[in-house]
Amino acid sequence: MAKFSYTAIDPSGKQKTGSIDAASEDDAQSKLSGMGLMVSNISKQADSGKKSRRATSASQSSGKKGGGFSFGAVINQEELTIFTRQMATLLQAGLPLLRSLEVMIRQEKNPRFKDVLVQIADNVRSGNNFSDGLAQHPKIFKPLFVNMIKAGEAGGVLDVVLTRLAKFMEKDLKTRKKIKSAMIYPIVIISVAFIIVMGLLMFIVPKFQEIFETMLKGKSMPALTEFVIGAGNLVKPTGFVDGLIKFGAFVVLFFVFRFLIGTGPGQKAKDWLALNTPKVGELVSKAAISRFTRTFGTLLSSGVPILQSLNITRDVIGNSRIAAALNKVHDRVRDGESLATPLEQQKIFPTMVTSMIDVGEETGELAEMLNRIADNYDEDVDNAVNSITSIIEPIMIIFLAVIVGTIVIALFLPIISIIQNLT
């Protein structure tokens, strides 16, 4: 027996640390899961002073029968949603869990997802819970998924929880696809505008610059023309090496921008901008309300404790400002307050939402009320997407016309001067 140190979250949502004796790391993980703890970190207390490592990473690289690493990035949300729906159908049809997993393994076409399912099936075959196998692949199965399965196992209603989880994932996927489809048009227009502008600056503007320098013979050009020619000189490569340097500079700037956006202040600035941009802010806010109420309601109706549900919902909400507010709500609820009061005081959701949550708490139907709010806001998200789509086209056309028109005007201003001098 060896001793393992661990950090975990108990059913009340509080972080807990300690140590446990177990034959192996997997055995320690199973014991802690049996105690109702959600393990976030575990390490063996070795005399040689080996460094701590995350249990989830260790379980993925420990060479189980399924073999190899689980590359979660290549398993998309749609594949996971289909898996969840089919597992729910198989269990409702009366098939045992292990038999259902074997059916899913045989029909899975993604080899990496199949490898993950083989590892999970081996884990279940060894006598562990389904949720324990899922928890060993955190890149694929998020805490929301694992905790709902764990609650379903504890209540003996795994098929019901899987059905509920499949409905949640289907609605969430549908909303994401609608928002992404609304963004395709402006991205295409902006890309086309960028290519046109770069083409003008790199190939057309230099030709006009040569004409102007010959015809004007040192006379000054209009300020707008000077600006456009300067921009052309900035992006125009004067040789292969110069082109590589400028391309490299653009690449570096792109990655620096990505890095800044990924930092805490950058993420907060991006989320603030998303919430306060006209029309877009309305869509982001409604989508966040829908995601919060749907996730929170689904977790509660599956038997996950309220504090743990708040923690999971906070982590999947997708907006740092809303997540920070939910963190404060969690602390207030942990101290004994109701949910509606701190939610209303944070001013992150409309009064109608907090009032309906208050009614749900008073009647004991909070989960049902949250899902009802989510249904209403799903419709609002659809309307917001349609509204944005209807105004994007004229805005993008005007944007493109202004950019190209400015360059054209800048090139024709000196021509007017040349004609005046000739006359």
Protein backbone atom coordinates (compact mmCIF):
# COMPACT_ATOMS: atom_id res chain seq x y z
CA MET A 1 0.00 0.00 0.00
CA ALA A 2 1.17 3.52 -0.81
CA LYS A 3 0.04 6.90 0.44
CA PHE A 4 -1.45 9.44 -1.98
CA SER A 5 -2.05 13.16 -1.42
CA TYR A 6 -5.14 14.59 -3.05
CA THR A 7 -7.12 17.77 -3.64
CA ALA A 8 -10.85 17.33 -4.25
CA ILE A 9 -14.25 19.04 -4.08
CA ASP A 10 -16.81 17.59 -1.67
CA PRO A 11 -20.59 17.40 -2.41
CA SER A 12 -21.13 20.80 -0.74
CA GLY A 13 -18.73 22.46 -3.23
CA LYS A 14 -15.88 23.03 -0.75
CA GLN A 15 -12.27 22.21 -1.59
CA LYS A 16 -10.74 19.47 0.52
CA THR A 17 -7.17 18.20 0.81
CA GLY A 18 -5.78 15.11 2.52
CA SER A 19 -4.11 11.75 2.01
CA ILE A 20 -5.33 8.20 1.50
CA ASP A 21 -3.76 4.72 1.49
CA ALA A 22 -4.29 2.74 -1.70
CA ALA A 23 -2.68 0.05 -3.81
CA SER A 24 -2.42 2.30 -6.86
CA GLU A 25 -3.38 5.70 -8.16
CA ASP A 26 -6.50 4.27 -9.82
CA ASP A 27 -7.46 2.57 -6.57
CA ALA A 28 -7.06 5.87 -4.70
CA GLN A 29 -9.19 7.64 -7.31
CA SER A 30 -11.93 5.00 -6.98
CA LYS A 31 -11.93 5.23 -3.18
CA LEU A 32 -12.22 9.01 -3.25
CA SER A 33 -15.02 8.84 -5.84
CA GLY A 34 -16.82 6.37 -3.57
CA MET A 35 -16.61 8.95 -0.79
CA GLY A 36 -18.45 11.44 -3.02
CA LEU A 37 -15.38 13.54 -3.78
CA MET A 38 -14.57 15.01 -7.21
CA VAL A 39 -10.78 14.65 -7.48
CA SER A 40 -8.93 17.54 -9.13
CA ASN A 41 -5.35 16.54 -8.25
CA ILE A 42 -3.67 13.44 -6.83
CA SER A 43 -0.03 12.45 -6.38
CA LYS A 44 1.91 9.65 -4.78
CA GLN A 45 3.94 10.51 -1.68
CA ALA A 46 7.18 8.91 -2.89
CA ASP A 47 10.36 8.93 -0.82
CA SER A 48 12.37 9.89 -3.90
CA GLY A 49 10.56 13.21 -4.06
CA LYS A 50 8.96 12.75 -7.42
CA LYS A 51 7.04 15.73 -8.67
CA SER A 52 3.25 15.84 -8.31
CA ARG A 53 1.24 15.15 -11.37
CA ARG A 54 -2.39 15.46 -12.23
CA ALA A 55 -4.34 12.25 -11.91
CA THR A 56 -6.16 12.78 -15.12
CA SER A 57 -2.93 13.21 -17.09
CA ALA A 58 -1.38 10.19 -15.43
CA SER A 59 -4.34 7.96 -16.17
CA GLN A 60 -4.22 8.90 -19.84
CA SER A 61 -0.52 8.13 -20.23
CA SER A 62 -0.23 5.05 -18.00
CA GLY A 63 -0.52 2.54 -20.84
CA LYS A 64 -3.91 0.98 -20.19
CA LYS A 65 -5.31 -1.83 -22.34
CA GLY A 66 -7.00 0.65 -24.63
CA GLY A 67 -3.53 2.00 -25.26
CA GLY A 68 -2.09 5.40 -25.97
CA PHE A 69 -3.13 8.92 -25.29
CA SER A 70 -6.63 10.28 -25.69
CA PHE A 71 -6.42 13.22 -28.04
CA GLY A 72 -9.52 15.08 -26.85
CA ALA A 73 -9.10 17.92 -29.31
CA VAL A 74 -10.06 15.73 -32.31
CA ILE A 75 -13.35 14.54 -30.77
CA ASN A 76 -15.83 17.30 -31.45
CA GLN A 77 -19.00 18.27 -29.63
CA GLU A 78 -21.25 16.75 -32.27
CA GLU A 79 -19.65 13.30 -31.92
CA LEU A 80 -20.01 13.46 -28.15
CA THR A 81 -23.66 14.50 -28.44
CA ILE A 82 -24.43 11.56 -30.75
CA PHE A 83 -22.64 9.18 -28.37
CA THR A 84 -24.67 10.46 -25.41
CA ARG A 85 -28.00 10.13 -27.26
CA GLN A 86 -27.20 6.60 -28.48
CA MET A 87 -26.02 5.47 -25.03
CA ALA A 88 -29.27 6.77 -23.52
CA THR A 89 -31.30 4.87 -26.15
CA LEU A 90 -29.41 1.62 -25.56
CA LEU A 91 -29.82 1.81 -21.78
CA GLN A 92 -33.52 2.65 -22.07
CA ALA A 93 -33.91 -0.40 -24.32
CA GLY A 94 -32.71 -2.55 -21.41
CA LEU A 95 -29.11 -3.28 -22.43
CA PRO A 96 -26.56 -3.40 -19.58
CA LEU A 97 -24.00 -0.61 -19.41
CA LEU A 98 -21.03 -2.72 -20.51
CA ARG A 99 -22.98 -4.24 -23.40
CA SER A 100 -24.05 -0.74 -24.49
CA LEU A 101 -20.42 0.42 -24.47
CA GLU A 102 -19.38 -2.57 -26.58
CA VAL A 103 -22.07 -1.70 -29.14
CA MET A 104 -20.83 1.89 -29.26
CA ILE A 105 -17.23 0.72 -29.71
CA ARG A 106 -18.16 -1.46 -32.69
CA GLN A 107 -19.99 1.33 -34.52
CA GLU A 108 -17.63 4.23 -33.68
CA LYS A 109 -15.79 5.40 -36.81
CA ASN A 110 -13.40 7.86 -35.12
CA PRO A 111 -10.38 5.68 -34.15
CA ARG A 112 -9.30 7.98 -31.34
CA PHE A 113 -12.77 8.14 -29.82
CA LYS A 114 -13.00 4.35 -30.18
CA ASP A 115 -9.72 4.04 -28.25
CA VAL A 116 -11.16 6.17 -25.46
CA LEU A 117 -14.35 4.07 -25.34
CA VAL A 118 -12.25 0.88 -25.14
CA GLN A 119 -10.43 2.31 -22.11
CA ILE A 120 -13.74 3.25 -20.46
CA ALA A 121 -15.21 -0.21 -21.15
CA ASP A 122 -12.11 -1.87 -19.65
CA ASN A 123 -12.49 0.35 -16.60
CA VAL A 124 -16.14 -0.67 -16.17
CA ARG A 125 -15.25 -4.34 -16.77
CA SER A 126 -12.74 -4.07 -13.88
CA GLY A 127 -15.56 -3.15 -11.52
CA ASN A 128 -15.27 0.65 -11.52
CA ASN A 129 -18.09 3.11 -12.08
CA PHE A 130 -18.87 4.54 -15.51
CA SER A 131 -18.19 8.04 -14.18
CA ASP A 132 -14.70 7.00 -13.00
CA GLY A 133 -13.78 5.96 -16.54
CA LEU A 134 -15.15 9.20 -17.95
CA ALA A 135 -13.21 11.27 -15.41
CA GLN A 136 -9.94 9.84 -16.74
CA HIS A 137 -10.50 11.75 -20.02
CA PRO A 138 -11.17 15.35 -18.91
CA LYS A 139 -10.39 16.80 -22.36
CA ILE A 140 -13.42 14.98 -23.74
CA PHE A 141 -15.80 14.57 -20.81
CA LYS A 142 -16.08 17.86 -18.92
CA PRO A 143 -17.01 18.11 -15.20
CA LEU A 144 -20.61 18.83 -16.22
CA PHE A 145 -20.81 15.47 -18.03
CA VAL A 146 -18.97 13.46 -15.36
CA ASN A 147 -20.93 14.87 -12.40
CA MET A 148 -24.30 14.28 -14.04
CA ILE A 149 -23.32 10.67 -14.78
CA LYS A 150 -22.12 10.28 -11.19
CA ALA A 151 -25.45 11.60 -9.88
CA GLY A 152 -27.33 9.25 -12.21
CA GLU A 153 -25.32 6.27 -10.96
CA ALA A 154 -25.97 7.22 -7.34
CA GLY A 155 -29.72 7.50 -7.95
CA GLY A 156 -29.96 4.43 -10.18
CA VAL A 157 -31.35 6.50 -13.06
CA LEU A 158 -28.39 6.54 -15.44
CA ASP A 159 -30.60 6.18 -18.53
CA VAL A 160 -32.76 9.14 -17.45
CA VAL A 161 -29.70 11.32 -16.79
CA LEU A 162 -28.14 10.39 -20.13
CA THR A 163 -31.37 11.32 -21.90
CA ARG A 164 -31.47 14.63 -20.06
CA LEU A 165 -27.81 15.24 -20.83
CA ALA A 166 -28.34 14.42 -24.51
CA LYS A 167 -31.21 16.93 -24.74
CA PHE A 168 -29.06 19.58 -23.08
CA MET A 169 -26.14 18.95 -25.43
CA GLU A 170 -28.38 18.94 -28.52
CA LYS A 171 -29.92 22.30 -27.61
CA ASP A 172 -26.53 23.76 -26.72
CA LEU A 173 -25.06 22.53 -30.03
CA LYS A 174 -28.02 23.95 -31.95
CA THR A 175 -27.54 27.38 -30.35
CA ARG A 176 -23.78 27.35 -31.03
CA LYS A 177 -24.34 26.47 -34.69
CA LYS A 178 -26.83 29.31 -35.13
CA ILE A 179 -24.43 31.84 -33.63
CA LYS A 180 -21.52 30.53 -35.74
CA SER A 181 -23.59 30.62 -38.92
CA ALA A 182 -24.46 34.25 -38.20
CA MET A 183 -20.75 35.05 -37.98
CA ILE A 184 -19.79 33.41 -41.28
CA TYR A 185 -21.08 36.25 -43.49
CA PRO A 186 -19.23 39.13 -41.78
CA ILE A 187 -16.03 37.07 -41.60
CA VAL A 188 -16.20 36.37 -45.35
CA ILE A 189 -16.89 40.05 -46.14
CA ILE A 190 -14.07 41.27 -43.91
CA SER A 191 -11.68 38.72 -45.45
CA VAL A 192 -12.60 39.82 -48.98
CA ALA A 193 -12.22 43.48 -47.98
CA PHE A 194 -8.78 42.75 -46.50
CA ILE A 195 -7.61 40.96 -49.67
CA ILE A 196 -8.90 43.78 -51.92
CA VAL A 197 -7.28 46.49 -49.79
CA MET A 198 -3.96 44.64 -49.60
CA GLY A 199 -4.03 44.09 -53.37
CA LEU A 200 -4.64 47.80 -54.00
CA LEU A 201 -1.91 48.87 -51.59
CA MET A 202 0.68 46.39 -52.85
CA PHE A 203 0.11 46.54 -56.63
CA ILE A 204 -2.05 49.52 -57.66
CA VAL A 205 -0.90 52.30 -55.33
CA PRO A 206 2.84 51.93 -56.25
CA LYS A 207 2.00 52.37 -59.96
CA PHE A 208 0.10 55.57 -59.21
CA GLN A 209 2.95 56.73 -56.97
CA GLU A 210 5.39 56.50 -59.90
CA ILE A 211 2.99 58.51 -62.11
CA PHE A 212 2.50 61.19 -59.46
CA GLU A 213 6.24 61.60 -58.81
CA THR A 214 6.85 62.01 -62.57
CA MET A 215 3.96 64.38 -63.27
CA LEU A 216 4.01 66.54 -60.13
CA LYS A 217 7.82 66.93 -60.16
CA GLY A 218 8.32 67.21 -56.44
CA LYS A 219 5.14 69.11 -55.63
CA SER A 220 3.32 68.04 -52.49
CA MET A 221 0.35 65.71 -52.70
CA PRO A 222 -2.90 65.83 -50.67
CA ALA A 223 -2.63 64.47 -47.11
CA LEU A 224 -5.01 61.60 -47.84
CA THR A 225 -2.90 60.53 -50.81
CA GLU A 226 0.30 60.72 -48.76
CA PHE A 227 -1.32 58.51 -46.12
CA VAL A 228 -2.44 55.87 -48.64
CA ILE A 229 0.97 55.86 -50.38
CA GLY A 230 2.67 55.51 -46.99
CA ALA A 231 0.45 52.54 -46.17
CA GLY A 232 1.32 51.02 -49.55
CA ASN A 233 5.04 51.44 -48.91
CA LEU A 234 4.60 49.84 -45.50
CA VAL A 235 3.07 46.60 -46.82
CA LYS A 236 4.74 46.47 -50.27
CA PRO A 237 7.72 44.07 -50.27
CA THR A 238 10.80 45.53 -51.98
CA GLY A 239 12.44 42.10 -52.28
CA PHE A 240 12.25 38.49 -51.14
CA VAL A 241 14.03 39.12 -47.83
CA ASP A 242 12.01 42.26 -47.14
CA GLY A 243 8.82 40.33 -47.91
CA LEU A 244 9.77 37.60 -45.46
CA ILE A 245 10.55 40.18 -42.76
CA LYS A 246 7.21 41.95 -43.21
CA PHE A 247 5.29 38.67 -43.32
CA GLY A 248 7.10 37.56 -40.16
CA ALA A 249 6.21 40.85 -38.48
CA PHE A 250 2.52 40.34 -39.27
CA VAL A 251 2.69 36.77 -37.93
CA VAL A 252 4.38 37.95 -34.72
CA LEU A 253 1.77 40.69 -34.25
CA PHE A 254 -1.01 38.13 -34.75
CA PHE A 255 0.38 35.79 -32.08
CA VAL A 256 1.08 38.67 -29.70
CA PHE A 257 -2.55 39.73 -30.10
CA ARG A 258 -3.70 36.16 -29.45
CA PHE A 259 -1.51 35.99 -26.37
CA LEU A 260 -2.83 39.29 -24.99
CA ILE A 261 -6.42 38.16 -25.53
CA GLY A 262 -5.64 34.97 -23.60
CA THR A 263 -4.34 36.82 -20.53
CA GLY A 264 -6.63 37.78 -17.65
CA PRO A 265 -6.93 41.50 -18.51
CA GLY A 266 -7.24 40.71 -22.22
CA GLN A 267 -10.00 38.17 -21.59
CA LYS A 268 -11.86 40.63 -19.38
CA ALA A 269 -11.56 43.37 -22.01
CA LYS A 270 -12.82 41.01 -24.74
CA ASP A 271 -15.77 39.86 -22.60
CA TRP A 272 -16.63 43.46 -21.69
CA LEU A 273 -16.57 44.43 -25.36
CA ALA A 274 -18.74 41.43 -26.26
CA LEU A 275 -21.36 42.41 -23.67
CA ASN A 276 -21.39 46.14 -24.52
CA THR A 277 -21.29 46.10 -28.33
CA PRO A 278 -24.71 47.12 -29.74
CA LYS A 279 -26.78 44.16 -30.92
CA VAL A 280 -23.88 41.75 -30.37
CA GLY A 281 -24.01 42.42 -26.61
CA GLU A 282 -27.71 41.57 -26.58
CA LEU A 283 -27.01 38.27 -28.32
CA VAL A 284 -24.08 37.39 -26.02
CA SER A 285 -26.11 38.24 -22.91
CA LYS A 286 -29.12 36.17 -23.95
CA ALA A 287 -26.92 33.25 -24.98
CA ALA A 288 -25.17 33.39 -21.58
CA ILE A 289 -28.51 33.42 -19.72
CA SER A 290 -29.73 30.47 -21.77
CA ARG A 291 -26.50 28.54 -21.16
CA PHE A 292 -26.51 29.32 -17.42
CA THR A 293 -30.12 28.35 -16.80
CA ARG A 294 -29.97 25.26 -19.04
CA THR A 295 -26.73 23.97 -17.47
CA PHE A 296 -27.71 24.80 -13.90
CA GLY A 297 -31.22 23.40 -14.27
CA THR A 298 -29.97 20.18 -15.88
CA LEU A 299 -27.42 19.62 -13.09
CA LEU A 300 -29.97 20.24 -10.33
CA SER A 301 -32.60 17.99 -11.90
CA SER A 302 -29.96 15.24 -12.14
CA GLY A 303 -29.24 15.39 -8.41
CA VAL A 304 -25.97 17.35 -8.37
CA PRO A 305 -25.73 19.53 -5.20
CA ILE A 306 -26.42 23.24 -5.71
CA LEU A 307 -22.92 24.50 -4.78
CA GLN A 308 -21.23 21.97 -7.01
CA SER A 309 -23.68 22.87 -9.79
CA LEU A 310 -22.80 26.55 -9.41
CA ASN A 311 -19.08 25.74 -9.67
CA ILE A 312 -19.56 23.68 -12.84
CA THR A 313 -21.87 26.26 -14.41
CA ARG A 314 -19.42 29.06 -13.63
CA ASP A 315 -16.65 27.17 -15.44
CA VAL A 316 -18.68 26.55 -18.62
CA ILE A 317 -20.45 29.91 -18.92
CA GLY A 318 -17.81 31.26 -21.34
CA ASN A 319 -17.65 34.86 -20.06
CA SER A 320 -15.19 35.97 -17.37
CA ARG A 321 -17.38 38.84 -16.11
CA ILE A 322 -20.40 36.58 -15.61
CA ALA A 323 -18.18 33.85 -14.13
CA ALA A 324 -16.78 36.32 -11.55
CA ALA A 325 -20.32 37.33 -10.58
CA LEU A 326 -21.36 33.68 -10.22
CA ASN A 327 -18.34 33.08 -8.00
CA LYS A 328 -19.67 35.73 -5.60
CA VAL A 329 -23.15 34.18 -5.79
CA HIS A 330 -21.62 30.79 -4.91
CA ASP A 331 -19.99 32.22 -1.78
CA ARG A 332 -23.25 33.86 -0.66
CA VAL A 333 -25.24 30.66 -1.19
CA ARG A 334 -22.57 28.70 0.70
CA ASP A 335 -23.08 31.10 3.61
CA GLY A 336 -26.79 30.25 3.73
CA GLU A 337 -28.49 32.80 1.47
CA SER A 338 -31.01 31.95 -1.21
CA LEU A 339 -29.96 31.93 -4.86
CA ALA A 340 -32.20 34.70 -6.21
CA THR A 341 -31.05 37.51 -3.87
CA PRO A 342 -27.29 37.51 -4.69
CA LEU A 343 -28.09 36.91 -8.38
CA GLU A 344 -30.24 40.05 -8.42
CA GLN A 345 -27.64 42.09 -6.54
CA GLN A 346 -24.91 41.14 -9.05
CA LYS A 347 -27.06 42.68 -11.84
CA ILE A 348 -25.86 40.15 -14.41
CA PHE A 349 -29.32 38.87 -15.31
CA PRO A 350 -32.62 40.72 -15.93
CA THR A 351 -35.11 41.11 -13.11
CA MET A 352 -37.54 38.75 -14.83
CA VAL A 353 -34.96 35.93 -14.67
CA THR A 354 -34.13 36.45 -10.98
CA SER A 355 -37.84 36.76 -10.14
CA MET A 356 -38.60 33.43 -11.84
CA ILE A 357 -35.68 31.83 -9.98
CA ASP A 358 -37.07 33.24 -6.72
CA VAL A 359 -40.47 31.71 -7.47
CA GLY A 360 -38.81 28.40 -8.33
CA GLU A 361 -37.01 28.36 -4.97
CA GLU A 362 -40.21 29.15 -3.07
CA THR A 363 -42.21 26.43 -4.83
CA GLY A 364 -39.42 23.84 -4.73
CA GLU A 365 -39.33 23.61 -8.52
CA LEU A 366 -36.11 25.49 -9.19
CA ALA A 367 -34.77 23.01 -11.78
CA GLU A 368 -38.03 23.09 -13.77
CA MET A 369 -38.15 26.89 -13.62
CA LEU A 370 -34.54 27.18 -14.82
CA ASN A 371 -35.24 24.92 -17.80
CA ARG A 372 -38.36 26.96 -18.60
CA ILE A 373 -36.27 30.16 -18.60
CA ALA A 374 -33.74 28.47 -20.88
CA ASP A 375 -36.49 27.51 -23.36
CA ASN A 376 -37.68 31.13 -23.48
CA TYR A 377 -34.19 32.49 -23.98
CA ASP A 378 -33.41 29.96 -26.69
CA GLU A 379 -36.17 31.64 -28.71
CA ASP A 380 -34.75 35.07 -27.85
CA VAL A 381 -31.31 33.94 -29.04
CA ASP A 382 -32.85 32.83 -32.36
CA ASN A 383 -34.52 36.23 -32.76
CA ALA A 384 -31.30 38.07 -31.85
CA VAL A 385 -29.32 36.03 -34.41
CA ASN A 386 -31.90 36.83 -37.11
CA SER A 387 -31.81 40.52 -36.16
CA ILE A 388 -28.02 40.71 -36.39
CA THR A 389 -28.00 38.82 -39.68
CA SER A 390 -30.47 41.28 -41.19
CA ILE A 391 -28.32 44.33 -40.39
CA ILE A 392 -24.90 42.79 -41.07
CA GLU A 393 -25.23 42.83 -44.87
CA PRO A 394 -25.77 46.59 -45.32
CA ILE A 395 -23.16 47.40 -42.67
CA MET A 396 -20.54 45.22 -44.35
CA ILE A 397 -21.31 46.66 -47.80
CA ILE A 398 -20.96 50.20 -46.45
CA PHE A 399 -17.73 49.24 -44.66
CA LEU A 400 -16.23 47.79 -47.84
CA ALA A 401 -17.38 50.77 -49.91
CA VAL A 402 -15.82 53.26 -47.46
CA ILE A 403 -12.45 51.48 -47.41
CA VAL A 404 -12.15 51.01 -51.17
CA GLY A 405 -13.70 54.42 -51.88
CA THR A 406 -11.16 56.16 -49.64
CA ILE A 407 -8.26 54.59 -51.55
CA VAL A 408 -9.82 55.49 -54.93
CA ILE A 409 -10.43 59.11 -53.87
CA ALA A 410 -6.89 59.37 -52.51
CA LEU A 411 -5.52 58.25 -55.88
CA PHE A 412 -7.69 60.60 -57.91
CA LEU A 413 -7.03 63.79 -55.92
CA PRO A 414 -3.50 64.27 -57.39
CA ILE A 415 -4.87 63.51 -60.88
CA ILE A 416 -7.18 66.50 -60.51
CA SER A 417 -4.18 68.65 -59.60
CA ILE A 418 -2.26 67.34 -62.62
CA ILE A 419 -5.15 68.15 -64.97
CA GLN A 420 -5.45 71.67 -63.51
CA ASN A 421 -1.71 72.26 -64.06
CA LEU A 422 -1.93 71.03 -67.63
CA THR A 423 -4.86 73.34 -68.43
